[in-house]
Every structure is written in structure tokens, then in C-alpha cells.
Amino acid sequence: MTLIEVRKSILVCDDNQDVLDFLEQFLKDAGYEVRTTHGYVEFLCEYKSRPPDLILLDVRMPDRDGFWIAERLQISNNPASVIFLTAHDRPLYRLCAPIAGAVDYVTKPFDPDALIERIKAALAIDAKTSNWFLQATDYEHRLRSNSPSREA
């Protein structure tokens, strides 16, 4: 009996073709199944056709920014972890990343080996339960849902 190895899938969305080409080859060489997209519409088609295990998402793109996409994924109960991969290292972006549903924030240029370690860490966790912001909002929602009604 032969065991079939299930490779983790990564969906990459970036508007820079050079970044997509590098990540596709690099991640395939690291043993991942990789699909790349240039923007929101292409990303959405790929995501709906087969949801990935992990999403690498650029922050600034022409059609929709990564925060907008990540928030929509969060609303749709996306099970995949999201890592922002961006050239924009702004404190506000780093603060907004977990609110949008991301489990990590990596800036370009990046160390490829360090990126692999961060991908492994993200794949090893449950995106919904590891995000402190999601935990806090879920906790507040449960408190409001379980509180007795004031209508009497």
C-alpha cells in the first residue's frame, strides 16, 4: 500500500509578475502546490474553484487592496490562513493586518528561507483561533448574544 502525499496548497495574489514568477517556482521547489493570480477577479475565481490551505496576499494592488480581500474572506468564513506579503512596511498596516484576518505580515524584500518558516507556522495553526482580534470580537459577540434581553 502506497501513501499518497497531500501537498499543501498556496494561492498567491500580487500585481507584480516578477514576484509571482519567483514565488511560484520557489514554493513549488519547497514542496507546495502553488497557484498565482494578478488581482481580485482572478483571485476570486481561483479561490472559489478550489480553496487553498494558505493565501499570500499583497496589500496594495490596483483593483482591490489586500485588506479588502482579506476582510471579505473573513466574512465568508475562509478556513485558510492569510499572510500579507508587501513592500509597504507601515505601522498602521501592521496593526490592521490581524483585524483584516491575517495571521502574519511579511515585508518585501524578504528572506526566502524565513518566508518558508512563516508559511509552515501559518499552516500549523487554525487561522480563526490564532487571531487575537477575531477571538476578541467573537468573545464580545457571544457575551452580547448570551446576555438577557432588557425587554420585559
N, C-alpha and C. Protein backbone atom coordinates (compact mmCIF):
# COMPACT_ATOMS: atom_id res chain seq x y z
N MET A 1 0.84 -1.17 0.00
CA MET A 1 0.00 0.00 0.00
C MET A 1 0.89 1.24 0.00
N THR A 2 0.60 2.15 -0.87
CA THR A 2 1.38 3.37 -1.00
C THR A 2 0.62 4.54 -0.39
N LEU A 3 1.32 5.30 0.43
CA LEU A 3 0.71 6.50 0.98
C LEU A 3 0.83 7.63 -0.04
N ILE A 4 -0.26 8.34 -0.22
CA ILE A 4 -0.25 9.47 -1.13
C ILE A 4 0.03 10.73 -0.32
N GLU A 5 1.07 11.44 -0.72
CA GLU A 5 1.42 12.67 -0.03
C GLU A 5 0.49 13.79 -0.49
N VAL A 6 -0.14 14.44 0.46
CA VAL A 6 -1.00 15.56 0.16
C VAL A 6 -0.20 16.84 0.36
N ARG A 7 0.03 17.54 -0.73
CA ARG A 7 0.79 18.78 -0.65
C ARG A 7 -0.15 19.92 -0.27
N LYS A 8 0.32 20.78 0.59
CA LYS A 8 -0.45 21.96 0.98
C LYS A 8 -0.50 22.92 -0.20
N SER A 9 -1.65 23.55 -0.38
CA SER A 9 -1.81 24.47 -1.50
C SER A 9 -1.73 25.92 -1.03
N ILE A 10 -1.07 26.73 -1.86
CA ILE A 10 -0.91 28.15 -1.57
C ILE A 10 -1.42 28.93 -2.77
N LEU A 11 -2.26 29.90 -2.50
CA LEU A 11 -2.76 30.81 -3.52
C LEU A 11 -2.10 32.16 -3.29
N VAL A 12 -1.39 32.64 -4.30
CA VAL A 12 -0.65 33.90 -4.20
C VAL A 12 -1.35 34.95 -5.05
N CYS A 13 -1.58 36.13 -4.47
CA CYS A 13 -2.18 37.23 -5.21
C CYS A 13 -1.27 38.44 -5.11
N ASP A 14 -0.73 38.86 -6.25
CA ASP A 14 0.17 40.01 -6.30
C ASP A 14 0.05 40.61 -7.69
N ASP A 15 0.20 41.92 -7.82
CA ASP A 15 0.11 42.55 -9.13
C ASP A 15 1.46 42.61 -9.85
N ASN A 16 2.52 42.14 -9.21
CA ASN A 16 3.85 42.16 -9.80
C ASN A 16 4.20 40.77 -10.35
N GLN A 17 4.31 40.68 -11.67
CA GLN A 17 4.57 39.38 -12.31
C GLN A 17 5.89 38.77 -11.87
N ASP A 18 6.92 39.58 -11.66
CA ASP A 18 8.21 39.06 -11.22
C ASP A 18 8.09 38.39 -9.85
N VAL A 19 7.34 39.00 -8.96
CA VAL A 19 7.12 38.41 -7.64
C VAL A 19 6.36 37.10 -7.78
N LEU A 20 5.32 37.09 -8.61
CA LEU A 20 4.55 35.86 -8.81
C LEU A 20 5.41 34.74 -9.38
N ASP A 21 6.22 35.06 -10.38
CA ASP A 21 7.08 34.05 -11.00
C ASP A 21 8.06 33.47 -9.98
N PHE A 22 8.69 34.35 -9.20
CA PHE A 22 9.65 33.88 -8.20
C PHE A 22 8.95 33.00 -7.16
N LEU A 23 7.84 33.50 -6.60
CA LEU A 23 7.15 32.73 -5.55
C LEU A 23 6.63 31.40 -6.07
N GLU A 24 6.12 31.39 -7.28
CA GLU A 24 5.60 30.14 -7.83
C GLU A 24 6.70 29.08 -7.90
N GLN A 25 7.83 29.43 -8.45
CA GLN A 25 8.92 28.46 -8.58
C GLN A 25 9.52 28.09 -7.22
N PHE A 26 9.75 29.10 -6.39
CA PHE A 26 10.36 28.88 -5.09
C PHE A 26 9.47 27.99 -4.21
N LEU A 27 8.19 28.27 -4.17
CA LEU A 27 7.28 27.49 -3.32
C LEU A 27 7.04 26.08 -3.88
N LYS A 28 7.02 25.95 -5.19
CA LYS A 28 6.92 24.61 -5.78
C LYS A 28 8.15 23.78 -5.43
N ASP A 29 9.32 24.41 -5.50
CA ASP A 29 10.56 23.72 -5.14
C ASP A 29 10.56 23.32 -3.67
N ALA A 30 9.84 24.07 -2.84
CA ALA A 30 9.74 23.77 -1.42
C ALA A 30 8.67 22.70 -1.13
N GLY A 31 7.98 22.25 -2.16
CA GLY A 31 7.03 21.15 -2.00
C GLY A 31 5.57 21.55 -1.91
N TYR A 32 5.24 22.79 -2.21
CA TYR A 32 3.86 23.23 -2.13
C TYR A 32 3.21 23.23 -3.51
N GLU A 33 1.90 23.07 -3.52
CA GLU A 33 1.13 23.27 -4.73
C GLU A 33 0.83 24.77 -4.78
N VAL A 34 1.14 25.42 -5.88
CA VAL A 34 1.04 26.88 -5.95
C VAL A 34 0.20 27.32 -7.14
N ARG A 35 -0.69 28.27 -6.86
CA ARG A 35 -1.45 28.95 -7.92
C ARG A 35 -1.23 30.45 -7.72
N THR A 36 -1.09 31.17 -8.82
CA THR A 36 -0.84 32.61 -8.72
C THR A 36 -1.94 33.38 -9.45
N THR A 37 -2.23 34.57 -8.92
CA THR A 37 -3.23 35.45 -9.52
C THR A 37 -2.74 36.89 -9.48
N HIS A 38 -3.25 37.70 -10.42
CA HIS A 38 -2.80 39.09 -10.55
C HIS A 38 -3.68 40.09 -9.82
N GLY A 39 -4.86 39.75 -9.49
CA GLY A 39 -5.76 40.71 -8.86
C GLY A 39 -7.00 40.04 -8.33
N TYR A 40 -7.93 40.85 -7.87
CA TYR A 40 -9.10 40.35 -7.16
C TYR A 40 -9.97 39.40 -7.98
N VAL A 41 -10.30 39.77 -9.20
CA VAL A 41 -11.21 38.95 -10.00
C VAL A 41 -10.60 37.57 -10.26
N GLU A 42 -9.34 37.55 -10.68
CA GLU A 42 -8.65 36.29 -10.92
C GLU A 42 -8.50 35.50 -9.62
N PHE A 43 -8.18 36.20 -8.53
CA PHE A 43 -8.06 35.57 -7.23
C PHE A 43 -9.37 34.90 -6.83
N LEU A 44 -10.47 35.62 -6.98
CA LEU A 44 -11.78 35.10 -6.58
C LEU A 44 -12.14 33.83 -7.36
N CYS A 45 -11.86 33.83 -8.67
CA CYS A 45 -12.13 32.64 -9.49
C CYS A 45 -11.32 31.44 -9.01
N GLU A 46 -10.04 31.65 -8.76
CA GLU A 46 -9.17 30.57 -8.29
C GLU A 46 -9.59 30.10 -6.89
N TYR A 47 -9.90 31.04 -6.03
CA TYR A 47 -10.30 30.71 -4.66
C TYR A 47 -11.58 29.88 -4.67
N LYS A 48 -12.55 30.30 -5.45
CA LYS A 48 -13.84 29.57 -5.49
C LYS A 48 -13.69 28.20 -6.14
N SER A 49 -12.79 28.08 -7.11
CA SER A 49 -12.64 26.79 -7.79
C SER A 49 -12.03 25.74 -6.87
N ARG A 50 -11.13 26.17 -5.99
CA ARG A 50 -10.52 25.25 -5.05
C ARG A 50 -9.85 26.05 -3.94
N PRO A 51 -10.52 26.20 -2.81
CA PRO A 51 -9.93 26.98 -1.71
C PRO A 51 -8.57 26.41 -1.30
N PRO A 52 -7.59 27.30 -1.07
CA PRO A 52 -6.25 26.86 -0.70
C PRO A 52 -6.11 26.64 0.80
N ASP A 53 -4.98 26.10 1.19
CA ASP A 53 -4.65 25.96 2.60
C ASP A 53 -4.08 27.25 3.17
N LEU A 54 -3.44 28.05 2.29
CA LEU A 54 -2.81 29.30 2.71
C LEU A 54 -2.90 30.31 1.58
N ILE A 55 -3.03 31.58 1.96
CA ILE A 55 -3.10 32.66 0.98
C ILE A 55 -1.98 33.65 1.27
N LEU A 56 -1.15 33.93 0.25
CA LEU A 56 -0.17 35.01 0.31
C LEU A 56 -0.77 36.17 -0.47
N LEU A 57 -0.94 37.30 0.20
CA LEU A 57 -1.72 38.38 -0.36
C LEU A 57 -0.96 39.70 -0.30
N ASP A 58 -0.81 40.33 -1.45
CA ASP A 58 -0.20 41.65 -1.49
C ASP A 58 -1.17 42.66 -0.89
N VAL A 59 -0.65 43.72 -0.29
CA VAL A 59 -1.52 44.72 0.32
C VAL A 59 -2.03 45.71 -0.73
N ARG A 60 -1.14 46.25 -1.53
CA ARG A 60 -1.56 47.29 -2.47
C ARG A 60 -1.57 46.75 -3.90
N MET A 61 -2.79 46.71 -4.46
CA MET A 61 -2.98 46.28 -5.84
C MET A 61 -3.97 47.23 -6.50
N PRO A 62 -3.98 47.29 -7.82
CA PRO A 62 -4.82 48.27 -8.50
C PRO A 62 -6.34 48.08 -8.33
N ASP A 63 -6.84 46.85 -8.40
CA ASP A 63 -8.29 46.67 -8.39
C ASP A 63 -8.89 46.66 -6.98
N ARG A 64 -8.37 45.87 -6.10
CA ARG A 64 -8.79 45.80 -4.69
C ARG A 64 -7.55 45.58 -3.86
N ASP A 65 -7.48 46.25 -2.71
CA ASP A 65 -6.29 46.04 -1.89
C ASP A 65 -6.45 44.76 -1.06
N GLY A 66 -5.33 44.28 -0.57
CA GLY A 66 -5.31 43.03 0.18
C GLY A 66 -6.16 43.06 1.44
N PHE A 67 -6.24 44.21 2.09
CA PHE A 67 -7.08 44.31 3.29
C PHE A 67 -8.54 44.07 2.94
N TRP A 68 -8.98 44.64 1.84
CA TRP A 68 -10.38 44.46 1.41
C TRP A 68 -10.65 42.98 1.12
N ILE A 69 -9.72 42.35 0.40
CA ILE A 69 -9.89 40.93 0.07
C ILE A 69 -9.91 40.09 1.34
N ALA A 70 -8.95 40.32 2.24
CA ALA A 70 -8.88 39.54 3.49
C ALA A 70 -10.13 39.71 4.33
N GLU A 71 -10.67 40.92 4.39
CA GLU A 71 -11.90 41.14 5.15
C GLU A 71 -13.06 40.37 4.56
N ARG A 72 -13.16 40.33 3.23
CA ARG A 72 -14.24 39.57 2.58
C ARG A 72 -14.08 38.07 2.85
N LEU A 73 -12.84 37.61 2.85
CA LEU A 73 -12.60 36.20 3.16
C LEU A 73 -13.00 35.88 4.59
N GLN A 74 -12.72 36.80 5.49
CA GLN A 74 -13.07 36.63 6.90
C GLN A 74 -14.58 36.53 7.06
N ILE A 75 -15.32 37.38 6.36
CA ILE A 75 -16.78 37.37 6.42
C ILE A 75 -17.33 36.06 5.89
N SER A 76 -16.66 35.50 4.88
CA SER A 76 -17.14 34.25 4.26
C SER A 76 -16.64 33.01 5.00
N ASN A 77 -16.07 33.19 6.18
CA ASN A 77 -15.56 32.08 6.99
C ASN A 77 -14.47 31.29 6.26
N ASN A 78 -13.57 32.01 5.64
CA ASN A 78 -12.43 31.42 4.97
C ASN A 78 -11.62 30.57 5.95
N PRO A 79 -11.39 29.30 5.65
CA PRO A 79 -10.60 28.47 6.57
C PRO A 79 -9.09 28.61 6.39
N ALA A 80 -8.65 29.25 5.32
CA ALA A 80 -7.22 29.35 5.03
C ALA A 80 -6.57 30.49 5.82
N SER A 81 -5.34 30.26 6.23
CA SER A 81 -4.57 31.34 6.84
C SER A 81 -4.16 32.33 5.77
N VAL A 82 -4.11 33.60 6.14
CA VAL A 82 -3.70 34.67 5.22
C VAL A 82 -2.43 35.30 5.76
N ILE A 83 -1.44 35.41 4.88
CA ILE A 83 -0.21 36.14 5.19
C ILE A 83 -0.12 37.30 4.20
N PHE A 84 -0.01 38.50 4.73
CA PHE A 84 0.24 39.64 3.85
C PHE A 84 1.71 39.65 3.48
N LEU A 85 1.97 39.85 2.20
CA LEU A 85 3.33 39.92 1.67
C LEU A 85 3.41 41.23 0.88
N THR A 86 4.09 42.22 1.44
CA THR A 86 4.00 43.56 0.88
C THR A 86 5.31 44.34 0.97
N ALA A 87 5.45 45.32 0.10
CA ALA A 87 6.60 46.22 0.14
C ALA A 87 6.34 47.40 1.08
N HIS A 88 5.15 47.48 1.61
CA HIS A 88 4.76 48.62 2.44
C HIS A 88 4.83 48.27 3.92
N ASP A 89 5.88 48.71 4.55
CA ASP A 89 6.09 48.43 5.97
C ASP A 89 5.65 49.65 6.79
N ARG A 90 4.35 49.77 6.93
CA ARG A 90 3.79 50.89 7.69
C ARG A 90 3.20 50.36 8.99
N PRO A 91 3.43 51.07 10.09
CA PRO A 91 2.87 50.61 11.38
C PRO A 91 1.35 50.42 11.33
N LEU A 92 0.65 51.32 10.66
CA LEU A 92 -0.80 51.19 10.58
C LEU A 92 -1.20 49.90 9.85
N TYR A 93 -0.48 49.56 8.78
CA TYR A 93 -0.77 48.33 8.05
C TYR A 93 -0.54 47.11 8.94
N ARG A 94 0.55 47.14 9.71
CA ARG A 94 0.84 46.02 10.62
C ARG A 94 -0.26 45.86 11.67
N LEU A 95 -0.79 46.98 12.15
CA LEU A 95 -1.88 46.94 13.13
C LEU A 95 -3.18 46.45 12.51
N CYS A 96 -3.41 46.82 11.27
CA CYS A 96 -4.65 46.44 10.59
C CYS A 96 -4.65 44.99 10.10
N ALA A 97 -3.48 44.41 9.91
CA ALA A 97 -3.39 43.06 9.36
C ALA A 97 -4.20 42.03 10.16
N PRO A 98 -4.04 41.94 11.49
CA PRO A 98 -4.84 40.95 12.22
C PRO A 98 -6.33 41.29 12.24
N ILE A 99 -6.65 42.57 12.20
CA ILE A 99 -8.06 42.97 12.17
C ILE A 99 -8.70 42.49 10.87
N ALA A 100 -7.95 42.54 9.78
CA ALA A 100 -8.45 42.07 8.49
C ALA A 100 -8.47 40.54 8.41
N GLY A 101 -7.84 39.87 9.37
CA GLY A 101 -7.88 38.41 9.40
C GLY A 101 -6.57 37.72 9.09
N ALA A 102 -5.50 38.48 8.91
CA ALA A 102 -4.20 37.87 8.58
C ALA A 102 -3.52 37.32 9.83
N VAL A 103 -2.77 36.25 9.64
CA VAL A 103 -2.02 35.66 10.75
C VAL A 103 -0.57 36.12 10.76
N ASP A 104 -0.12 36.78 9.67
CA ASP A 104 1.26 37.25 9.60
C ASP A 104 1.36 38.38 8.59
N TYR A 105 2.46 39.12 8.68
CA TYR A 105 2.72 40.27 7.82
C TYR A 105 4.20 40.26 7.48
N VAL A 106 4.52 40.03 6.21
CA VAL A 106 5.91 39.90 5.76
C VAL A 106 6.19 41.02 4.76
N THR A 107 7.33 41.68 4.94
CA THR A 107 7.65 42.77 4.02
C THR A 107 8.67 42.34 2.97
N LYS A 108 8.52 42.92 1.78
CA LYS A 108 9.44 42.72 0.67
C LYS A 108 10.53 43.79 0.79
N PRO A 109 11.74 43.48 0.45
CA PRO A 109 12.24 42.15 0.09
C PRO A 109 12.27 41.26 1.33
N PHE A 110 12.11 39.98 1.12
CA PHE A 110 12.06 39.03 2.22
C PHE A 110 13.12 37.96 2.06
N ASP A 111 13.48 37.36 3.17
CA ASP A 111 14.39 36.22 3.17
C ASP A 111 13.57 34.99 2.81
N PRO A 112 13.83 34.34 1.67
CA PRO A 112 13.02 33.19 1.25
C PRO A 112 12.93 32.08 2.30
N ASP A 113 14.04 31.79 2.98
CA ASP A 113 14.01 30.74 4.00
C ASP A 113 13.13 31.14 5.18
N ALA A 114 13.19 32.40 5.55
CA ALA A 114 12.34 32.89 6.64
C ALA A 114 10.87 32.85 6.23
N LEU A 115 10.59 33.13 4.96
CA LEU A 115 9.20 33.05 4.47
C LEU A 115 8.69 31.62 4.59
N ILE A 116 9.51 30.64 4.23
CA ILE A 116 9.09 29.24 4.34
C ILE A 116 8.76 28.90 5.79
N GLU A 117 9.56 29.36 6.73
CA GLU A 117 9.29 29.09 8.15
C GLU A 117 7.98 29.73 8.58
N ARG A 118 7.70 30.91 8.09
CA ARG A 118 6.45 31.59 8.46
C ARG A 118 5.26 30.90 7.81
N ILE A 119 5.44 30.40 6.61
CA ILE A 119 4.37 29.64 5.94
C ILE A 119 4.09 28.36 6.73
N LYS A 120 5.14 27.66 7.13
CA LYS A 120 4.96 26.43 7.93
C LYS A 120 4.21 26.73 9.22
N ALA A 121 4.58 27.83 9.87
CA ALA A 121 3.91 28.21 11.12
C ALA A 121 2.44 28.54 10.87
N ALA A 122 2.16 29.24 9.80
CA ALA A 122 0.78 29.61 9.48
C ALA A 122 -0.06 28.38 9.12
N LEU A 123 0.54 27.42 8.44
CA LEU A 123 -0.18 26.20 8.08
C LEU A 123 -0.44 25.30 9.29
N ALA A 124 0.36 25.48 10.33
CA ALA A 124 0.24 24.63 11.52
C ALA A 124 -0.82 25.13 12.49
N ILE A 125 -1.39 26.30 12.22
CA ILE A 125 -2.37 26.86 13.15
C ILE A 125 -3.72 27.01 12.48
N ASP A 126 -4.72 27.16 13.29
CA ASP A 126 -6.06 27.45 12.80
C ASP A 126 -6.17 28.97 12.69
N ALA A 127 -6.39 29.47 11.50
CA ALA A 127 -6.40 30.92 11.28
C ALA A 127 -7.43 31.63 12.15
N LYS A 128 -8.56 31.02 12.37
CA LYS A 128 -9.62 31.67 13.15
C LYS A 128 -9.29 31.72 14.64
N THR A 129 -8.71 30.68 15.18
CA THR A 129 -8.46 30.66 16.62
C THR A 129 -7.14 31.29 17.00
N SER A 130 -6.27 31.55 16.03
CA SER A 130 -4.98 32.14 16.36
C SER A 130 -4.99 33.66 16.28
N ASN A 131 -6.01 34.22 15.70
CA ASN A 131 -6.06 35.66 15.50
C ASN A 131 -6.68 36.32 16.72
N TRP A 132 -5.89 37.09 17.44
CA TRP A 132 -6.35 37.72 18.68
C TRP A 132 -7.55 38.61 18.45
N PHE A 133 -7.60 39.30 17.31
CA PHE A 133 -8.72 40.21 17.06
C PHE A 133 -10.01 39.42 16.85
N LEU A 134 -9.92 38.34 16.08
CA LEU A 134 -11.11 37.53 15.85
C LEU A 134 -11.60 36.90 17.14
N GLN A 135 -10.67 36.47 17.98
CA GLN A 135 -11.06 35.90 19.28
C GLN A 135 -11.79 36.94 20.11
N ALA A 136 -11.27 38.15 20.15
CA ALA A 136 -11.88 39.20 20.97
C ALA A 136 -13.26 39.56 20.46
N THR A 137 -13.43 39.70 19.15
CA THR A 137 -14.75 40.07 18.63
C THR A 137 -15.73 38.92 18.80
N ASP A 138 -15.26 37.69 18.65
CA ASP A 138 -16.14 36.55 18.86
C ASP A 138 -16.59 36.49 20.32
N TYR A 139 -15.67 36.74 21.24
CA TYR A 139 -15.98 36.75 22.66
C TYR A 139 -17.03 37.82 22.98
N GLU A 140 -16.83 39.03 22.44
CA GLU A 140 -17.79 40.10 22.67
C GLU A 140 -19.15 39.75 22.08
N HIS A 141 -19.14 39.13 20.89
CA HIS A 141 -20.39 38.74 20.26
C HIS A 141 -21.13 37.70 21.11
N ARG A 142 -20.39 36.72 21.64
CA ARG A 142 -21.01 35.71 22.48
C ARG A 142 -21.58 36.33 23.75
N LEU A 143 -20.88 37.30 24.31
CA LEU A 143 -21.38 37.97 25.52
C LEU A 143 -22.71 38.68 25.23
N ARG A 144 -22.75 39.38 24.10
CA ARG A 144 -23.99 40.08 23.74
C ARG A 144 -25.10 39.10 23.41
N SER A 145 -24.78 38.00 22.75
CA SER A 145 -25.79 37.02 22.37
C SER A 145 -26.37 36.29 23.59
N ASN A 146 -25.55 36.09 24.61
CA ASN A 146 -25.99 35.34 25.79
C ASN A 146 -26.54 36.21 26.89
N SER A 147 -26.46 37.54 26.72
CA SER A 147 -26.97 38.42 27.78
C SER A 147 -28.49 38.43 27.73
N PRO A 148 -29.14 38.50 28.90
CA PRO A 148 -30.60 38.51 28.92
C PRO A 148 -31.14 39.77 28.24
N SER A 149 -32.26 39.60 27.61
CA SER A 149 -32.90 40.71 26.93
C SER A 149 -33.41 41.71 27.95
N ARG A 150 -33.32 42.96 27.60
CA ARG A 150 -33.80 44.00 28.51
C ARG A 150 -35.27 44.31 28.28
N GLU A 151 -35.86 43.64 27.31
CA GLU A 151 -37.29 43.83 27.04
C GLU A 151 -38.06 42.97 28.04
N ALA A 152 -38.84 43.57 28.88
CA ALA A 152 -39.63 42.77 29.82
C ALA A 152 -40.94 43.42 30.12
